[in-house]
Amino acid sequence: MRMGLIATSMLIAMVVPGVTLGADWFTSTAIEKIRQELGPGCQVSLKNIGQTVSGNNGLRQEQWFVKTCHGVEQYWVSYFPPRAFPDRTTDLEVQKVTGKAG
């Protein structure tokens, strides 16, 4: 039993950092895409996350409220895992929502 606990602990220790790095990659890449869209003079920062959708195939979609030089703007940021969506040209998509962002 003790060996099982040690093996489980080691597995968790190896997997958790990868999950954290994935989240950092997701956020930093999406922020960079928004920054490129708005231009180099526009400061961009994530204010808060609204709705989140996750699929059991790794799909991840988040509603973001982003502070920009134009005020708070709403975006949908989506990650499409290449294994589940092999025909997509990009695995990360950022779409601005038009209209009032709260």
PDB file of N, CA and C in Angstrom:
ATOM      1  N   MET A   1       0.830  -1.203   0.000  1.00  0.00           N
ATOM      2  CA  MET A   1       0.000   0.000   0.000  1.00  0.00           C
ATOM      3  C   MET A   1       0.868   1.259   0.000  1.00  0.00           C
ATOM      4  N   ARG A   2       1.944   1.236   0.787  1.00  0.00           N
ATOM      5  CA  ARG A   2       2.818   2.408   0.858  1.00  0.00           C
ATOM      6  C   ARG A   2       3.448   2.707  -0.504  1.00  0.00           C
ATOM      7  N   MET A   3       3.852   1.676  -1.244  1.00  0.00           N
ATOM      8  CA  MET A   3       4.439   1.878  -2.569  1.00  0.00           C
ATOM      9  C   MET A   3       3.421   2.500  -3.525  1.00  0.00           C
ATOM     10  N   GLY A   4       2.156   2.091  -3.415  1.00  0.00           N
ATOM     11  CA  GLY A   4       1.105   2.678  -4.253  1.00  0.00           C
ATOM     12  C   GLY A   4       0.930   4.152  -3.979  1.00  0.00           C
ATOM     13  N   LEU A   5       0.990   4.528  -2.714  1.00  0.00           N
ATOM     14  CA  LEU A   5       0.859   5.930  -2.320  1.00  0.00           C
ATOM     15  C   LEU A   5       2.034   6.747  -2.843  1.00  0.00           C
ATOM     16  N   ILE A   6       3.231   6.188  -2.747  1.00  0.00           N
ATOM     17  CA  ILE A   6       4.423   6.882  -3.245  1.00  0.00           C
ATOM     18  C   ILE A   6       4.343   7.050  -4.760  1.00  0.00           C
ATOM     19  N   ALA A   7       3.940   5.992  -5.455  1.00  0.00           N
ATOM     20  CA  ALA A   7       3.825   6.072  -6.917  1.00  0.00           C
ATOM     21  C   ALA A   7       2.790   7.108  -7.325  1.00  0.00           C
ATOM     22  N   THR A   8       1.652   7.142  -6.627  1.00  0.00           N
ATOM     23  CA  THR A   8       0.604   8.123  -6.925  1.00  0.00           C
ATOM     24  C   THR A   8       1.109   9.538  -6.687  1.00  0.00           C
ATOM     25  N   SER A   9       1.821   9.740  -5.581  1.00  0.00           N
ATOM     26  CA  SER A   9       2.364  11.063  -5.262  1.00  0.00           C
ATOM     27  C   SER A   9       3.357  11.516  -6.324  1.00  0.00           C
ATOM     28  N   MET A  10       4.193  10.587  -6.797  1.00  0.00           N
ATOM     29  CA  MET A  10       5.167  10.934  -7.837  1.00  0.00           C
ATOM     30  C   MET A  10       4.468  11.286  -9.140  1.00  0.00           C
ATOM     31  N   LEU A  11       3.409  10.551  -9.479  1.00  0.00           N
ATOM     32  CA  LEU A  11       2.663  10.840 -10.699  1.00  0.00           C
ATOM     33  C   LEU A  11       2.041  12.227 -10.626  1.00  0.00           C
ATOM     34  N   ILE A  12       1.439  12.554  -9.498  1.00  0.00           N
ATOM     35  CA  ILE A  12       0.834  13.880  -9.317  1.00  0.00           C
ATOM     36  C   ILE A  12       1.902  14.963  -9.426  1.00  0.00           C
ATOM     37  N   ALA A  13       3.055  14.738  -8.825  1.00  0.00           N
ATOM     38  CA  ALA A  13       4.132  15.731  -8.873  1.00  0.00           C
ATOM     39  C   ALA A  13       4.614  15.967 -10.300  1.00  0.00           C
ATOM     40  N   MET A  14       4.561  14.920 -11.138  1.00  0.00           N
ATOM     41  CA  MET A  14       4.999  15.088 -12.522  1.00  0.00           C
ATOM     42  C   MET A  14       3.925  15.744 -13.382  1.00  0.00           C
ATOM     43  N   VAL A  15       2.652  15.477 -13.121  1.00  0.00           N
ATOM     44  CA  VAL A  15       1.561  15.967 -13.961  1.00  0.00           C
ATOM     45  C   VAL A  15       1.186  17.400 -13.628  1.00  0.00           C
ATOM     46  N   VAL A  16       1.110  17.775 -12.361  1.00  0.00           N
ATOM     47  CA  VAL A  16       0.637  19.098 -11.952  1.00  0.00           C
ATOM     48  C   VAL A  16       1.465  20.226 -12.563  1.00  0.00           C
ATOM     49  N   PRO A  17       2.812  20.182 -12.555  1.00  0.00           N
ATOM     50  CA  PRO A  17       3.543  21.275 -13.209  1.00  0.00           C
ATOM     51  C   PRO A  17       3.198  21.426 -14.682  1.00  0.00           C
ATOM     52  N   GLY A  18       2.961  20.345 -15.393  1.00  0.00           N
ATOM     53  CA  GLY A  18       2.580  20.427 -16.799  1.00  0.00           C
ATOM     54  C   GLY A  18       1.255  21.128 -16.988  1.00  0.00           C
ATOM     55  N   VAL A  19       0.309  20.868 -16.091  1.00  0.00           N
ATOM     56  CA  VAL A  19      -0.993  21.532 -16.159  1.00  0.00           C
ATOM     57  C   VAL A  19      -0.822  23.021 -15.928  1.00  0.00           C
ATOM     58  N   THR A  20      -0.011  23.393 -14.948  1.00  0.00           N
ATOM     59  CA  THR A  20       0.227  24.801 -14.653  1.00  0.00           C
ATOM     60  C   THR A  20       0.893  25.495 -15.835  1.00  0.00           C
ATOM     61  N   LEU A  21       1.899  24.872 -16.422  1.00  0.00           N
ATOM     62  CA  LEU A  21       2.557  25.468 -17.582  1.00  0.00           C
ATOM     63  C   LEU A  21       1.576  25.634 -18.733  1.00  0.00           C
ATOM     64  N   GLY A  22       0.678  24.664 -18.901  1.00  0.00           N
ATOM     65  CA  GLY A  22      -0.320  24.759 -19.953  1.00  0.00           C
ATOM     66  C   GLY A  22      -1.217  25.968 -19.765  1.00  0.00           C
ATOM     67  N   ALA A  23      -1.629  26.207 -18.521  1.00  0.00           N
ATOM     68  CA  ALA A  23      -2.485  27.359 -18.235  1.00  0.00           C
ATOM     69  C   ALA A  23      -1.733  28.656 -18.503  1.00  0.00           C
ATOM     70  N   ASP A  24      -0.451  28.712 -18.132  1.00  0.00           N
ATOM     71  CA  ASP A  24       0.347  29.903 -18.387  1.00  0.00           C
ATOM     72  C   ASP A  24       0.493  30.136 -19.889  1.00  0.00           C
ATOM     73  N   TRP A  25       0.734  29.080 -20.647  1.00  0.00           N
ATOM     74  CA  TRP A  25       0.857  29.194 -22.098  1.00  0.00           C
ATOM     75  C   TRP A  25      -0.454  29.703 -22.690  1.00  0.00           C
ATOM     76  N   PHE A  26      -1.577  29.135 -22.251  1.00  0.00           N
ATOM     77  CA  PHE A  26      -2.904  29.520 -22.731  1.00  0.00           C
ATOM     78  C   PHE A  26      -3.125  31.014 -22.521  1.00  0.00           C
ATOM     79  N   THR A  27      -2.892  31.488 -21.301  1.00  0.00           N
ATOM     80  CA  THR A  27      -3.127  32.889 -20.965  1.00  0.00           C
ATOM     81  C   THR A  27      -2.161  33.817 -21.697  1.00  0.00           C
ATOM     82  N   SER A  28      -0.881  33.520 -21.642  1.00  0.00           N
ATOM     83  CA  SER A  28       0.094  34.431 -22.245  1.00  0.00           C
ATOM     84  C   SER A  28      -0.042  34.492 -23.768  1.00  0.00           C
ATOM     85  N   THR A  29      -0.338  33.370 -24.402  1.00  0.00           N
ATOM     86  CA  THR A  29      -0.503  33.364 -25.854  1.00  0.00           C
ATOM     87  C   THR A  29      -1.752  34.133 -26.267  1.00  0.00           C
ATOM     88  N   ALA A  30      -2.851  33.956 -25.540  1.00  0.00           N
ATOM     89  CA  ALA A  30      -4.085  34.678 -25.861  1.00  0.00           C
ATOM     90  C   ALA A  30      -3.913  36.182 -25.648  1.00  0.00           C
ATOM     91  N   ILE A  31      -3.273  36.575 -24.552  1.00  0.00           N
ATOM     92  CA  ILE A  31      -3.025  38.004 -24.297  1.00  0.00           C
ATOM     93  C   ILE A  31      -2.164  38.591 -25.413  1.00  0.00           C
ATOM     94  N   GLU A  32      -1.175  37.852 -25.859  1.00  0.00           N
ATOM     95  CA  GLU A  32      -0.309  38.339 -26.936  1.00  0.00           C
ATOM     96  C   GLU A  32      -1.094  38.506 -28.237  1.00  0.00           C
ATOM     97  N   LYS A  33      -2.006  37.594 -28.532  1.00  0.00           N
ATOM     98  CA  LYS A  33      -2.837  37.727 -29.740  1.00  0.00           C
ATOM     99  C   LYS A  33      -3.707  38.973 -29.659  1.00  0.00           C
ATOM    100  N   ILE A  34      -4.274  39.245 -28.493  1.00  0.00           N
ATOM    101  CA  ILE A  34      -5.103  40.440 -28.310  1.00  0.00           C
ATOM    102  C   ILE A  34      -4.239  41.686 -28.457  1.00  0.00           C
ATOM    103  N   ARG A  35      -3.055  41.669 -27.861  1.00  0.00           N
ATOM    104  CA  ARG A  35      -2.131  42.804 -27.939  1.00  0.00           C
ATOM    105  C   ARG A  35      -1.752  43.086 -29.391  1.00  0.00           C
ATOM    106  N   GLN A  36      -1.494  42.055 -30.174  1.00  0.00           N
ATOM    107  CA  GLN A  36      -1.162  42.238 -31.591  1.00  0.00           C
ATOM    108  C   GLN A  36      -2.322  42.851 -32.363  1.00  0.00           C
ATOM    109  N   GLU A  37      -3.535  42.420 -32.040  1.00  0.00           N
ATOM    110  CA  GLU A  37      -4.731  42.954 -32.707  1.00  0.00           C
ATOM    111  C   GLU A  37      -4.906  44.444 -32.424  1.00  0.00           C
ATOM    112  N   LEU A  38      -4.622  44.864 -31.187  1.00  0.00           N
ATOM    113  CA  LEU A  38      -4.855  46.254 -30.784  1.00  0.00           C
ATOM    114  C   LEU A  38      -3.683  47.181 -31.072  1.00  0.00           C
ATOM    115  N   GLY A  39      -2.513  46.618 -31.314  1.00  0.00           N
ATOM    116  CA  GLY A  39      -1.354  47.445 -31.627  1.00  0.00           C
ATOM    117  C   GLY A  39      -0.414  47.586 -30.442  1.00  0.00           C
ATOM    118  N   PRO A  40       0.835  47.945 -30.724  1.00  0.00           N
ATOM    119  CA  PRO A  40       1.861  47.965 -29.680  1.00  0.00           C
ATOM    120  C   PRO A  40       1.665  49.030 -28.604  1.00  0.00           C
ATOM    121  N   GLY A  41       0.948  50.089 -28.892  1.00  0.00           N
ATOM    122  CA  GLY A  41       0.760  51.148 -27.908  1.00  0.00           C
ATOM    123  C   GLY A  41      -0.364  50.893 -26.922  1.00  0.00           C
ATOM    124  N   CYS A  42      -1.068  49.808 -27.066  1.00  0.00           N
ATOM    125  CA  CYS A  42      -2.237  49.532 -26.220  1.00  0.00           C
ATOM    126  C   CYS A  42      -1.882  48.516 -25.133  1.00  0.00           C
ATOM    127  N   GLN A  43      -1.990  48.938 -23.889  1.00  0.00           N
ATOM    128  CA  GLN A  43      -1.757  48.031 -22.760  1.00  0.00           C
ATOM    129  C   GLN A  43      -2.931  47.064 -22.635  1.00  0.00           C
ATOM    130  N   VAL A  44      -2.641  45.798 -22.355  1.00  0.00           N
ATOM    131  CA  VAL A  44      -3.664  44.759 -22.273  1.00  0.00           C
ATOM    132  C   VAL A  44      -3.434  43.946 -21.009  1.00  0.00           C
ATOM    133  N   SER A  45      -4.504  43.732 -20.237  1.00  0.00           N
ATOM    134  CA  SER A  45      -4.396  42.845 -19.077  1.00  0.00           C
ATOM    135  C   SER A  45      -5.746  42.164 -18.838  1.00  0.00           C
ATOM    136  N   LEU A  46      -5.683  40.959 -18.365  1.00  0.00           N
ATOM    137  CA  LEU A  46      -6.876  40.178 -18.077  1.00  0.00           C
ATOM    138  C   LEU A  46      -7.508  40.695 -16.791  1.00  0.00           C
ATOM    139  N   LYS A  47      -8.749  41.181 -16.883  1.00  0.00           N
ATOM    140  CA  LYS A  47      -9.454  41.704 -15.709  1.00  0.00           C
ATOM    141  C   LYS A  47     -10.103  40.560 -14.943  1.00  0.00           C
ATOM    142  N   ASN A  48     -10.929  39.776 -15.627  1.00  0.00           N
ATOM    143  CA  ASN A  48     -11.532  38.598 -14.997  1.00  0.00           C
ATOM    144  C   ASN A  48     -12.054  37.636 -16.053  1.00  0.00           C
ATOM    145  N   ILE A  49     -12.350  36.431 -15.600  1.00  0.00           N
ATOM    146  CA  ILE A  49     -12.869  35.388 -16.473  1.00  0.00           C
ATOM    147  C   ILE A  49     -14.324  35.150 -16.099  1.00  0.00           C
ATOM    148  N   GLY A  50     -15.194  35.142 -17.104  1.00  0.00           N
ATOM    149  CA  GLY A  50     -16.615  34.878 -16.881  1.00  0.00           C
ATOM    150  C   GLY A  50     -16.892  33.389 -16.986  1.00  0.00           C
ATOM    151  N   GLN A  51     -17.607  33.000 -18.000  1.00  0.00           N
ATOM    152  CA  GLN A  51     -17.976  31.600 -18.197  1.00  0.00           C
ATOM    153  C   GLN A  51     -16.783  30.798 -18.709  1.00  0.00           C
ATOM    154  N   THR A  52     -16.753  29.528 -18.308  1.00  0.00           N
ATOM    155  CA  THR A  52     -15.727  28.606 -18.785  1.00  0.00           C
ATOM    156  C   THR A  52     -16.405  27.335 -19.252  1.00  0.00           C
ATOM    157  N   VAL A  53     -15.990  26.845 -20.411  1.00  0.00           N
ATOM    158  CA  VAL A  53     -16.514  25.595 -20.962  1.00  0.00           C
ATOM    159  C   VAL A  53     -15.328  24.662 -21.172  1.00  0.00           C
ATOM    160  N   SER A  54     -15.441  23.433 -20.669  1.00  0.00           N
ATOM    161  CA  SER A  54     -14.376  22.446 -20.855  1.00  0.00           C
ATOM    162  C   SER A  54     -14.980  21.172 -21.401  1.00  0.00           C
ATOM    163  N   GLY A  55     -14.324  20.584 -22.373  1.00  0.00           N
ATOM    164  CA  GLY A  55     -14.780  19.317 -22.934  1.00  0.00           C
ATOM    165  C   GLY A  55     -13.898  18.179 -22.459  1.00  0.00           C
ATOM    166  N   ASN A  56     -14.430  16.980 -22.465  1.00  0.00           N
ATOM    167  CA  ASN A  56     -13.633  15.840 -22.025  1.00  0.00           C
ATOM    168  C   ASN A  56     -12.564  15.455 -23.044  1.00  0.00           C
ATOM    169  N   ASN A  57     -12.562  16.117 -24.199  1.00  0.00           N
ATOM    170  CA  ASN A  57     -11.535  15.895 -25.213  1.00  0.00           C
ATOM    171  C   ASN A  57     -10.413  16.933 -25.113  1.00  0.00           C
ATOM    172  N   GLY A  58     -10.458  17.785 -24.075  1.00  0.00           N
ATOM    173  CA  GLY A  58      -9.438  18.815 -23.886  1.00  0.00           C
ATOM    174  C   GLY A  58      -9.836  20.195 -24.374  1.00  0.00           C
ATOM    175  N   LEU A  59     -10.996  20.303 -25.049  1.00  0.00           N
ATOM    176  CA  LEU A  59     -11.487  21.609 -25.500  1.00  0.00           C
ATOM    177  C   LEU A  59     -11.641  22.532 -24.300  1.00  0.00           C
ATOM    178  N   ARG A  60     -11.237  23.771 -24.471  1.00  0.00           N
ATOM    179  CA  ARG A  60     -11.356  24.752 -23.390  1.00  0.00           C
ATOM    180  C   ARG A  60     -11.762  26.079 -24.000  1.00  0.00           C
ATOM    181  N   GLN A  61     -12.838  26.657 -23.486  1.00  0.00           N
ATOM    182  CA  GLN A  61     -13.282  27.970 -23.942  1.00  0.00           C
ATOM    183  C   GLN A  61     -13.557  28.826 -22.711  1.00  0.00           C
ATOM    184  N   GLU A  62     -13.068  30.062 -22.751  1.00  0.00           N
ATOM    185  CA  GLU A  62     -13.268  30.983 -21.632  1.00  0.00           C
ATOM    186  C   GLU A  62     -13.737  32.340 -22.137  1.00  0.00           C
ATOM    187  N   GLN A  63     -14.643  32.920 -21.392  1.00  0.00           N
ATOM    188  CA  GLN A  63     -15.112  34.281 -21.653  1.00  0.00           C
ATOM    189  C   GLN A  63     -14.197  35.205 -20.843  1.00  0.00           C
ATOM    190  N   TRP A  64     -13.483  36.056 -21.525  1.00  0.00           N
ATOM    191  CA  TRP A  64     -12.546  36.959 -20.864  1.00  0.00           C
ATOM    192  C   TRP A  64     -13.038  38.393 -20.946  1.00  0.00           C
ATOM    193  N   PHE A  65     -12.821  39.128 -19.862  1.00  0.00           N
ATOM    194  CA  PHE A  65     -13.009  40.563 -19.825  1.00  0.00           C
ATOM    195  C   PHE A  65     -11.608  41.154 -19.673  1.00  0.00           C
ATOM    196  N   VAL A  66     -11.189  41.904 -20.694  1.00  0.00           N
ATOM    197  CA  VAL A  66      -9.809  42.364 -20.801  1.00  0.00           C
ATOM    198  C   VAL A  66      -9.765  43.888 -20.738  1.00  0.00           C
ATOM    199  N   LYS A  67      -8.889  44.419 -19.878  1.00  0.00           N
ATOM    200  CA  LYS A  67      -8.662  45.866 -19.828  1.00  0.00           C
ATOM    201  C   LYS A  67      -7.740  46.227 -20.985  1.00  0.00           C
ATOM    202  N   THR A  68      -8.186  47.183 -21.792  1.00  0.00           N
ATOM    203  CA  THR A  68      -7.380  47.650 -22.924  1.00  0.00           C
ATOM    204  C   THR A  68      -7.359  49.172 -22.906  1.00  0.00           C
ATOM    205  N   CYS A  69      -6.665  49.748 -23.843  1.00  0.00           N
ATOM    206  CA  CYS A  69      -6.642  51.200 -23.958  1.00  0.00           C
ATOM    207  C   CYS A  69      -7.994  51.755 -24.411  1.00  0.00           C
ATOM    208  N   HIS A  70      -8.903  50.888 -24.821  1.00  0.00           N
ATOM    209  CA  HIS A  70     -10.251  51.286 -25.237  1.00  0.00           C
ATOM    210  C   HIS A  70     -11.288  51.006 -24.150  1.00  0.00           C
ATOM    211  N   GLY A  71     -10.858  50.602 -22.966  1.00  0.00           N
ATOM    212  CA  GLY A  71     -11.756  50.215 -21.888  1.00  0.00           C
ATOM    213  C   GLY A  71     -11.793  48.696 -21.761  1.00  0.00           C
ATOM    214  N   VAL A  72     -12.801  48.186 -21.083  1.00  0.00           N
ATOM    215  CA  VAL A  72     -12.928  46.744 -20.901  1.00  0.00           C
ATOM    216  C   VAL A  72     -13.621  46.147 -22.129  1.00  0.00           C
ATOM    217  N   GLU A  73     -12.979  45.145 -22.704  1.00  0.00           N
ATOM    218  CA  GLU A  73     -13.523  44.480 -23.883  1.00  0.00           C
ATOM    219  C   GLU A  73     -13.683  42.993 -23.591  1.00  0.00           C
ATOM    220  N   GLN A  74     -14.662  42.384 -24.251  1.00  0.00           N
ATOM    221  CA  GLN A  74     -14.972  40.970 -24.023  1.00  0.00           C
ATOM    222  C   GLN A  74     -14.431  40.118 -25.170  1.00  0.00           C
ATOM    223  N   TYR A  75     -13.839  38.982 -24.811  1.00  0.00           N
ATOM    224  CA  TYR A  75     -13.294  38.035 -25.783  1.00  0.00           C
ATOM    225  C   TYR A  75     -13.692  36.615 -25.386  1.00  0.00           C
ATOM    226  N   TRP A  76     -13.763  35.743 -26.370  1.00  0.00           N
ATOM    227  CA  TRP A  76     -13.837  34.309 -26.138  1.00  0.00           C
ATOM    228  C   TRP A  76     -12.505  33.733 -26.565  1.00  0.00           C
ATOM    229  N   VAL A  77     -11.853  33.041 -25.654  1.00  0.00           N
ATOM    230  CA  VAL A  77     -10.570  32.408 -25.924  1.00  0.00           C
ATOM    231  C   VAL A  77     -10.794  30.902 -25.911  1.00  0.00           C
ATOM    232  N   SER A  78     -10.401  30.243 -26.987  1.00  0.00           N
ATOM    233  CA  SER A  78     -10.661  28.808 -27.145  1.00  0.00           C
ATOM    234  C   SER A  78      -9.384  28.051 -27.453  1.00  0.00           C
ATOM    235  N   TYR A  79      -9.228  26.909 -26.789  1.00  0.00           N
ATOM    236  CA  TYR A  79      -8.115  26.005 -27.074  1.00  0.00           C
ATOM    237  C   TYR A  79      -8.690  24.719 -27.650  1.00  0.00           C
ATOM    238  N   PHE A  80      -8.187  24.330 -28.810  1.00  0.00           N
ATOM    239  CA  PHE A  80      -8.616  23.122 -29.496  1.00  0.00           C
ATOM    240  C   PHE A  80      -7.425  22.161 -29.538  1.00  0.00           C
ATOM    241  N   PRO A  81      -7.402  21.131 -28.686  1.00  0.00           N
ATOM    242  CA  PRO A  81      -6.265  20.212 -28.655  1.00  0.00           C
ATOM    243  C   PRO A  81      -6.029  19.576 -30.022  1.00  0.00           C
ATOM    244  N   PRO A  82      -4.804  19.608 -30.511  1.00  0.00           N
ATOM    245  CA  PRO A  82      -4.509  19.064 -31.834  1.00  0.00           C
ATOM    246  C   PRO A  82      -4.910  17.592 -32.005  1.00  0.00           C
ATOM    247  N   ARG A  83      -4.831  16.806 -30.956  1.00  0.00           N
ATOM    248  CA  ARG A  83      -5.226  15.392 -31.073  1.00  0.00           C
ATOM    249  C   ARG A  83      -6.714  15.247 -31.358  1.00  0.00           C
ATOM    250  N   ALA A  84      -7.522  16.106 -30.751  1.00  0.00           N
ATOM    251  CA  ALA A  84      -8.977  16.030 -30.932  1.00  0.00           C
ATOM    252  C   ALA A  84      -9.432  16.797 -32.174  1.00  0.00           C
ATOM    253  N   PHE A  85      -8.649  17.794 -32.593  1.00  0.00           N
ATOM    254  CA  PHE A  85      -9.007  18.639 -33.740  1.00  0.00           C
ATOM    255  C   PHE A  85      -7.823  18.713 -34.705  1.00  0.00           C
ATOM    256  N   PRO A  86      -7.456  17.606 -35.332  1.00  0.00           N
ATOM    257  CA  PRO A  86      -6.245  17.577 -36.163  1.00  0.00           C
ATOM    258  C   PRO A  86      -6.318  18.430 -37.430  1.00  0.00           C
ATOM    259  N   ASP A  87      -7.502  18.797 -37.880  1.00  0.00           N
ATOM    260  CA  ASP A  87      -7.626  19.549 -39.127  1.00  0.00           C
ATOM    261  C   ASP A  87      -7.587  21.071 -38.942  1.00  0.00           C
ATOM    262  N   ARG A  88      -7.525  21.533 -37.709  1.00  0.00           N
ATOM    263  CA  ARG A  88      -7.488  22.985 -37.464  1.00  0.00           C
ATOM    264  C   ARG A  88      -6.101  23.536 -37.788  1.00  0.00           C
ATOM    265  N   THR A  89      -6.061  24.765 -38.286  1.00  0.00           N
ATOM    266  CA  THR A  89      -4.776  25.390 -38.610  1.00  0.00           C
ATOM    267  C   THR A  89      -4.108  25.983 -37.375  1.00  0.00           C
ATOM    268  N   THR A  90      -4.882  26.257 -36.331  1.00  0.00           N
ATOM    269  CA  THR A  90      -4.331  26.787 -35.084  1.00  0.00           C
ATOM    270  C   THR A  90      -5.057  26.137 -33.911  1.00  0.00           C
ATOM    271  N   ASP A  91      -4.345  25.964 -32.812  1.00  0.00           N
ATOM    272  CA  ASP A  91      -4.978  25.349 -31.648  1.00  0.00           C
ATOM    273  C   ASP A  91      -5.528  26.382 -30.665  1.00  0.00           C
ATOM    274  N   LEU A  92      -5.202  27.662 -30.858  1.00  0.00           N
ATOM    275  CA  LEU A  92      -5.711  28.712 -29.976  1.00  0.00           C
ATOM    276  C   LEU A  92      -6.416  29.774 -30.810  1.00  0.00           C
ATOM    277  N   GLU A  93      -7.643  30.089 -30.443  1.00  0.00           N
ATOM    278  CA  GLU A  93      -8.428  31.077 -31.181  1.00  0.00           C
ATOM    279  C   GLU A  93      -8.931  32.137 -30.208  1.00  0.00           C
ATOM    280  N   VAL A  94      -8.826  33.398 -30.618  1.00  0.00           N
ATOM    281  CA  VAL A  94      -9.289  34.521 -29.813  1.00  0.00           C
ATOM    282  C   VAL A  94     -10.292  35.309 -30.645  1.00  0.00           C
ATOM    283  N   GLN A  95     -11.511  35.460 -30.125  1.00  0.00           N
ATOM    284  CA  GLN A  95     -12.556  36.200 -30.842  1.00  0.00           C
ATOM    285  C   GLN A  95     -13.089  37.324 -29.960  1.00  0.00           C
ATOM    286  N   LYS A  96     -13.062  38.532 -30.503  1.00  0.00           N
ATOM    287  CA  LYS A  96     -13.609  39.679 -29.785  1.00  0.00           C
ATOM    288  C   LYS A  96     -15.132  39.654 -29.911  1.00  0.00           C
ATOM    289  N   VAL A  97     -15.805  39.954 -28.812  1.00  0.00           N
ATOM    290  CA  VAL A  97     -17.257  40.048 -28.790  1.00  0.00           C
ATOM    291  C   VAL A  97     -17.608  41.514 -28.937  1.00  0.00           C
ATOM    292  N   THR A  98     -18.441  41.818 -29.925  1.00  0.00           N
ATOM    293  CA  THR A  98     -18.840  43.217 -30.122  1.00  0.00           C
ATOM    294  C   THR A  98     -20.008  43.540 -29.219  1.00  0.00           C
ATOM    295  N   GLY A  99     -20.100  44.788 -28.831  1.00  0.00           N
ATOM    296  CA  GLY A  99     -21.168  45.220 -27.931  1.00  0.00           C
ATOM    297  C   GLY A  99     -20.587  45.548 -26.564  1.00  0.00           C
ATOM    298  N   LYS A 100     -21.442  45.784 -25.628  1.00  0.00           N
ATOM    299  CA  LYS A 100     -21.056  46.212 -24.274  1.00  0.00           C
ATOM    300  C   LYS A 100     -20.451  45.051 -23.504  1.00  0.00           C
ATOM    301  N   ALA A 101     -19.281  45.281 -22.936  1.00  0.00           N
ATOM    302  CA  ALA A 101     -18.644  44.251 -22.103  1.00  0.00           C
ATOM    303  C   ALA A 101     -18.859  44.610 -20.640  1.00  0.00           C
ATOM    304  N   GLY A 102     -19.305  44.146 -19.779  1.00  0.00           N
ATOM    305  CA  GLY A 102     -19.555  44.568 -18.409  1.00  0.00           C
ATOM    306  C   GLY A 102     -18.471  44.968 -17.579  1.00  0.00           C
TER     307      GLY A 102
END
